[in-house]
Amino acid sequence: MAEIFTKHRQPWKADEVTKLRTLAGKGKGLKEIAKALNRSEESTKERAKIDGIGIAKLR
């Protein structure tokens, strides 16, 4: 049987939350922030909502 590794439901580290705040403060979009953090867009959006961080809606 092949070993299965998934990065599913990993806890957020303090440095990741700091980077999330920094990137959101610079006006980066959700997709760009998620890619920089190596997280899904949904996970990033949920964490921002929990911490009260506003993410710019780029068009």
PDB file of N, CA and C in Angstrom:
ATOM      1  N   MET A   1       0.842  -1.181   0.000  1.00  0.00           N
ATOM      2  CA  MET A   1       0.000   0.000   0.000  1.00  0.00           C
ATOM      3  C   MET A   1       0.886   1.242   0.000  1.00  0.00           C
ATOM      4  N   ALA A   2       0.550   2.170  -0.850  1.00  0.00           N
ATOM      5  CA  ALA A   2       1.319   3.418  -0.950  1.00  0.00           C
ATOM      6  C   ALA A   2       1.047   4.312   0.254  1.00  0.00           C
ATOM      7  N   GLU A   3       2.091   4.992   0.672  1.00  0.00           N
ATOM      8  CA  GLU A   3       1.949   5.908   1.799  1.00  0.00           C
ATOM      9  C   GLU A   3       1.263   7.181   1.294  1.00  0.00           C
ATOM     10  N   ILE A   4       0.233   7.603   1.985  1.00  0.00           N
ATOM     11  CA  ILE A   4      -0.529   8.778   1.561  1.00  0.00           C
ATOM     12  C   ILE A   4      -0.228   9.931   2.501  1.00  0.00           C
ATOM     13  N   PHE A   5       0.183  11.047   1.913  1.00  0.00           N
ATOM     14  CA  PHE A   5       0.435  12.246   2.706  1.00  0.00           C
ATOM     15  C   PHE A   5      -0.423  13.371   2.153  1.00  0.00           C
ATOM     16  N   THR A   6      -1.241  13.940   3.000  1.00  0.00           N
ATOM     17  CA  THR A   6      -2.037  15.080   2.576  1.00  0.00           C
ATOM     18  C   THR A   6      -1.832  16.223   3.545  1.00  0.00           C
ATOM     19  N   LYS A   7      -1.807  17.409   3.002  1.00  0.00           N
ATOM     20  CA  LYS A   7      -1.703  18.592   3.849  1.00  0.00           C
ATOM     21  C   LYS A   7      -3.117  19.109   4.041  1.00  0.00           C
ATOM     22  N   HIS A   8      -3.840  18.399   4.867  1.00  0.00           N
ATOM     23  CA  HIS A   8      -5.239  18.699   5.082  1.00  0.00           C
ATOM     24  C   HIS A   8      -5.451  19.095   6.530  1.00  0.00           C
ATOM     25  N   ARG A   9      -6.037  20.251   6.726  1.00  0.00           N
ATOM     26  CA  ARG A   9      -6.362  20.714   8.072  1.00  0.00           C
ATOM     27  C   ARG A   9      -5.138  20.911   8.958  1.00  0.00           C
ATOM     28  N   GLN A  10      -4.082  21.466   8.385  1.00  0.00           N
ATOM     29  CA  GLN A  10      -2.885  21.757   9.168  1.00  0.00           C
ATOM     30  C   GLN A  10      -3.146  22.990  10.025  1.00  0.00           C
ATOM     31  N   PRO A  11      -2.712  22.978  11.272  1.00  0.00           N
ATOM     32  CA  PRO A  11      -2.918  24.154  12.111  1.00  0.00           C
ATOM     33  C   PRO A  11      -2.106  25.345  11.606  1.00  0.00           C
ATOM     34  N   TRP A  12      -2.622  26.534  11.835  1.00  0.00           N
ATOM     35  CA  TRP A  12      -1.937  27.755  11.407  1.00  0.00           C
ATOM     36  C   TRP A  12      -0.862  28.109  12.414  1.00  0.00           C
ATOM     37  N   LYS A  13       0.304  28.459  11.932  1.00  0.00           N
ATOM     38  CA  LYS A  13       1.415  28.877  12.785  1.00  0.00           C
ATOM     39  C   LYS A  13       1.383  30.394  12.900  1.00  0.00           C
ATOM     40  N   ALA A  14       1.990  30.922  13.956  1.00  0.00           N
ATOM     41  CA  ALA A  14       1.993  32.363  14.201  1.00  0.00           C
ATOM     42  C   ALA A  14       2.635  33.138  13.053  1.00  0.00           C
ATOM     43  N   ASP A  15       3.711  32.603  12.478  1.00  0.00           N
ATOM     44  CA  ASP A  15       4.378  33.311  11.385  1.00  0.00           C
ATOM     45  C   ASP A  15       3.512  33.347  10.121  1.00  0.00           C
ATOM     46  N   GLU A  16       2.677  32.326   9.916  1.00  0.00           N
ATOM     47  CA  GLU A  16       1.774  32.315   8.769  1.00  0.00           C
ATOM     48  C   GLU A  16       0.686  33.378   8.924  1.00  0.00           C
ATOM     49  N   VAL A  17       0.174  33.516  10.134  1.00  0.00           N
ATOM     50  CA  VAL A  17      -0.853  34.524  10.392  1.00  0.00           C
ATOM     51  C   VAL A  17      -0.257  35.921  10.226  1.00  0.00           C
ATOM     52  N   THR A  18       0.981  36.108  10.671  1.00  0.00           N
ATOM     53  CA  THR A  18       1.668  37.392  10.512  1.00  0.00           C
ATOM     54  C   THR A  18       1.842  37.720   9.038  1.00  0.00           C
ATOM     55  N   LYS A  19       2.239  36.720   8.255  1.00  0.00           N
ATOM     56  CA  LYS A  19       2.423  36.929   6.817  1.00  0.00           C
ATOM     57  C   LYS A  19       1.077  37.233   6.153  1.00  0.00           C
ATOM     58  N   LEU A  20       0.013  36.572   6.607  1.00  0.00           N
ATOM     59  CA  LEU A  20      -1.328  36.830   6.097  1.00  0.00           C
ATOM     60  C   LEU A  20      -1.715  38.286   6.349  1.00  0.00           C
ATOM     61  N   ARG A  21      -1.479  38.773   7.562  1.00  0.00           N
ATOM     62  CA  ARG A  21      -1.775  40.172   7.905  1.00  0.00           C
ATOM     63  C   ARG A  21      -0.968  41.142   7.032  1.00  0.00           C
ATOM     64  N   THR A  22       0.314  40.844   6.862  1.00  0.00           N
ATOM     65  CA  THR A  22       1.196  41.705   6.083  1.00  0.00           C
ATOM     66  C   THR A  22       0.745  41.795   4.625  1.00  0.00           C
ATOM     67  N   LEU A  23       0.492  40.641   4.013  1.00  0.00           N
ATOM     68  CA  LEU A  23       0.090  40.623   2.603  1.00  0.00           C
ATOM     69  C   LEU A  23      -1.276  41.275   2.397  1.00  0.00           C
ATOM     70  N   ALA A  24      -2.206  41.042   3.322  1.00  0.00           N
ATOM     71  CA  ALA A  24      -3.527  41.663   3.216  1.00  0.00           C
ATOM     72  C   ALA A  24      -3.404  43.181   3.385  1.00  0.00           C
ATOM     73  N   GLY A  25      -2.514  43.601   4.262  1.00  0.00           N
ATOM     74  CA  GLY A  25      -2.279  45.023   4.479  1.00  0.00           C
ATOM     75  C   GLY A  25      -1.704  45.715   3.261  1.00  0.00           C
ATOM     76  N   LYS A  26      -0.970  44.968   2.444  1.00  0.00           N
ATOM     77  CA  LYS A  26      -0.382  45.521   1.220  1.00  0.00           C
ATOM     78  C   LYS A  26      -1.383  45.535   0.069  1.00  0.00           C
ATOM     79  N   GLY A  27      -2.590  45.017   0.317  1.00  0.00           N
ATOM     80  CA  GLY A  27      -3.630  45.036  -0.705  1.00  0.00           C
ATOM     81  C   GLY A  27      -3.577  43.882  -1.684  1.00  0.00           C
ATOM     82  N   LYS A  28      -2.928  42.797  -1.307  1.00  0.00           N
ATOM     83  CA  LYS A  28      -2.843  41.621  -2.187  1.00  0.00           C
ATOM     84  C   LYS A  28      -4.197  40.903  -2.215  1.00  0.00           C
ATOM     85  N   GLY A  29      -4.458  40.189  -3.298  1.00  0.00           N
ATOM     86  CA  GLY A  29      -5.702  39.446  -3.453  1.00  0.00           C
ATOM     87  C   GLY A  29      -5.633  38.079  -2.785  1.00  0.00           C
ATOM     88  N   LEU A  30      -6.784  37.459  -2.624  1.00  0.00           N
ATOM     89  CA  LEU A  30      -6.892  36.162  -1.955  1.00  0.00           C
ATOM     90  C   LEU A  30      -6.046  35.093  -2.632  1.00  0.00           C
ATOM     91  N   LYS A  31      -6.109  35.034  -3.954  1.00  0.00           N
ATOM     92  CA  LYS A  31      -5.375  34.002  -4.696  1.00  0.00           C
ATOM     93  C   LYS A  31      -3.867  34.139  -4.477  1.00  0.00           C
ATOM     94  N   GLU A  32      -3.381  35.367  -4.522  1.00  0.00           N
ATOM     95  CA  GLU A  32      -1.946  35.625  -4.348  1.00  0.00           C
ATOM     96  C   GLU A  32      -1.490  35.298  -2.916  1.00  0.00           C
ATOM     97  N   ILE A  33      -2.307  35.659  -1.946  1.00  0.00           N
ATOM     98  CA  ILE A  33      -1.968  35.385  -0.542  1.00  0.00           C
ATOM     99  C   ILE A  33      -1.945  33.885  -0.284  1.00  0.00           C
ATOM    100  N   ALA A  34      -2.958  33.180  -0.770  1.00  0.00           N
ATOM    101  CA  ALA A  34      -3.038  31.729  -0.584  1.00  0.00           C
ATOM    102  C   ALA A  34      -1.828  31.028  -1.198  1.00  0.00           C
ATOM    103  N   LYS A  35      -1.418  31.470  -2.365  1.00  0.00           N
ATOM    104  CA  LYS A  35      -0.263  30.867  -3.036  1.00  0.00           C
ATOM    105  C   LYS A  35       1.016  31.124  -2.242  1.00  0.00           C
ATOM    106  N   ALA A  36       1.167  32.344  -1.718  1.00  0.00           N
ATOM    107  CA  ALA A  36       2.358  32.693  -0.938  1.00  0.00           C
ATOM    108  C   ALA A  36       2.442  31.883   0.359  1.00  0.00           C
ATOM    109  N   LEU A  37       1.286  31.564   0.929  1.00  0.00           N
ATOM    110  CA  LEU A  37       1.253  30.809   2.180  1.00  0.00           C
ATOM    111  C   LEU A  37       1.207  29.292   1.965  1.00  0.00           C
ATOM    112  N   ASN A  38       1.081  28.879   0.705  1.00  0.00           N
ATOM    113  CA  ASN A  38       0.950  27.460   0.369  1.00  0.00           C
ATOM    114  C   ASN A  38      -0.275  26.849   1.061  1.00  0.00           C
ATOM    115  N   ARG A  39      -1.363  27.611   1.003  1.00  0.00           N
ATOM    116  CA  ARG A  39      -2.642  27.204   1.587  1.00  0.00           C
ATOM    117  C   ARG A  39      -3.728  27.329   0.528  1.00  0.00           C
ATOM    118  N   SER A  40      -4.859  26.697   0.766  1.00  0.00           N
ATOM    119  CA  SER A  40      -5.971  26.835  -0.164  1.00  0.00           C
ATOM    120  C   SER A  40      -6.615  28.211   0.022  1.00  0.00           C
ATOM    121  N   GLU A  41      -7.301  28.662  -1.012  1.00  0.00           N
ATOM    122  CA  GLU A  41      -7.979  29.951  -0.922  1.00  0.00           C
ATOM    123  C   GLU A  41      -9.055  29.915   0.159  1.00  0.00           C
ATOM    124  N   GLU A  42      -9.752  28.809   0.253  1.00  0.00           N
ATOM    125  CA  GLU A  42     -10.814  28.667   1.249  1.00  0.00           C
ATOM    126  C   GLU A  42     -10.257  28.742   2.665  1.00  0.00           C
ATOM    127  N   SER A  43      -9.157  28.059   2.905  1.00  0.00           N
ATOM    128  CA  SER A  43      -8.515  28.073   4.217  1.00  0.00           C
ATOM    129  C   SER A  43      -8.028  29.474   4.574  1.00  0.00           C
ATOM    130  N   THR A  44      -7.443  30.143   3.598  1.00  0.00           N
ATOM    131  CA  THR A  44      -6.929  31.492   3.808  1.00  0.00           C
ATOM    132  C   THR A  44      -8.067  32.459   4.112  1.00  0.00           C
ATOM    133  N   LYS A  45      -9.151  32.340   3.351  1.00  0.00           N
ATOM    134  CA  LYS A  45     -10.312  33.210   3.555  1.00  0.00           C
ATOM    135  C   LYS A  45     -10.924  32.983   4.937  1.00  0.00           C
ATOM    136  N   GLU A  46     -11.028  31.728   5.343  1.00  0.00           N
ATOM    137  CA  GLU A  46     -11.600  31.389   6.647  1.00  0.00           C
ATOM    138  C   GLU A  46     -10.741  31.936   7.789  1.00  0.00           C
ATOM    139  N   ARG A  47      -9.423  31.799   7.666  1.00  0.00           N
ATOM    140  CA  ARG A  47      -8.521  32.297   8.720  1.00  0.00           C
ATOM    141  C   ARG A  47      -8.580  33.822   8.814  1.00  0.00           C
ATOM    142  N   ALA A  48      -8.658  34.480   7.668  1.00  0.00           N
ATOM    143  CA  ALA A  48      -8.766  35.942   7.656  1.00  0.00           C
ATOM    144  C   ALA A  48     -10.059  36.380   8.339  1.00  0.00           C
ATOM    145  N   LYS A  49     -11.124  35.646   8.101  1.00  0.00           N
ATOM    146  CA  LYS A  49     -12.417  35.961   8.720  1.00  0.00           C
ATOM    147  C   LYS A  49     -12.345  35.782  10.232  1.00  0.00           C
ATOM    148  N   ILE A  50     -11.706  34.716  10.687  1.00  0.00           N
ATOM    149  CA  ILE A  50     -11.563  34.446  12.123  1.00  0.00           C
ATOM    150  C   ILE A  50     -10.783  35.560  12.814  1.00  0.00           C
ATOM    151  N   ASP A  51      -9.708  36.023  12.159  1.00  0.00           N
ATOM    152  CA  ASP A  51      -8.845  37.049  12.748  1.00  0.00           C
ATOM    153  C   ASP A  51      -9.294  38.477  12.438  1.00  0.00           C
ATOM    154  N   GLY A  52     -10.371  38.625  11.671  1.00  0.00           N
ATOM    155  CA  GLY A  52     -10.867  39.954  11.339  1.00  0.00           C
ATOM    156  C   GLY A  52      -9.966  40.715  10.388  1.00  0.00           C
ATOM    157  N   ILE A  53      -9.348  40.000   9.464  1.00  0.00           N
ATOM    158  CA  ILE A  53      -8.442  40.608   8.483  1.00  0.00           C
ATOM    159  C   ILE A  53      -9.210  40.781   7.175  1.00  0.00           C
ATOM    160  N   GLY A  54      -9.207  41.999   6.665  1.00  0.00           N
ATOM    161  CA  GLY A  54      -9.879  42.263   5.391  1.00  0.00           C
ATOM    162  C   GLY A  54      -8.938  41.978   4.230  1.00  0.00           C
ATOM    163  N   ILE A  55      -9.430  41.232   3.248  1.00  0.00           N
ATOM    164  CA  ILE A  55      -8.644  40.928   2.055  1.00  0.00           C
ATOM    165  C   ILE A  55      -9.251  41.680   0.881  1.00  0.00           C
ATOM    166  N   ALA A  56      -8.408  42.341   0.104  1.00  0.00           N
ATOM    167  CA  ALA A  56      -8.874  43.120  -1.047  1.00  0.00           C
ATOM    168  C   ALA A  56      -9.527  42.216  -2.083  1.00  0.00           C
ATOM    169  N   LYS A  57     -10.577  42.727  -2.686  1.00  0.00           N
ATOM    170  CA  LYS A  57     -11.249  41.995  -3.772  1.00  0.00           C
ATOM    171  C   LYS A  57     -10.767  42.590  -5.069  1.00  0.00           C
ATOM    172  N   LEU A  58      -9.830  41.912  -5.720  1.00  0.00           N
ATOM    173  CA  LEU A  58      -9.270  42.399  -6.972  1.00  0.00           C
ATOM    174  C   LEU A  58     -10.183  42.054  -8.138  1.00  0.00           C
ATOM    175  N   ARG A  59     -10.254  42.958  -9.092  1.00  0.00           N
ATOM    176  CA  ARG A  59     -11.098  42.715 -10.274  1.00  0.00           C
ATOM    177  C   ARG A  59     -10.239  42.675 -11.498  1.00  0.00           C
TER     178      ARG A  59
END
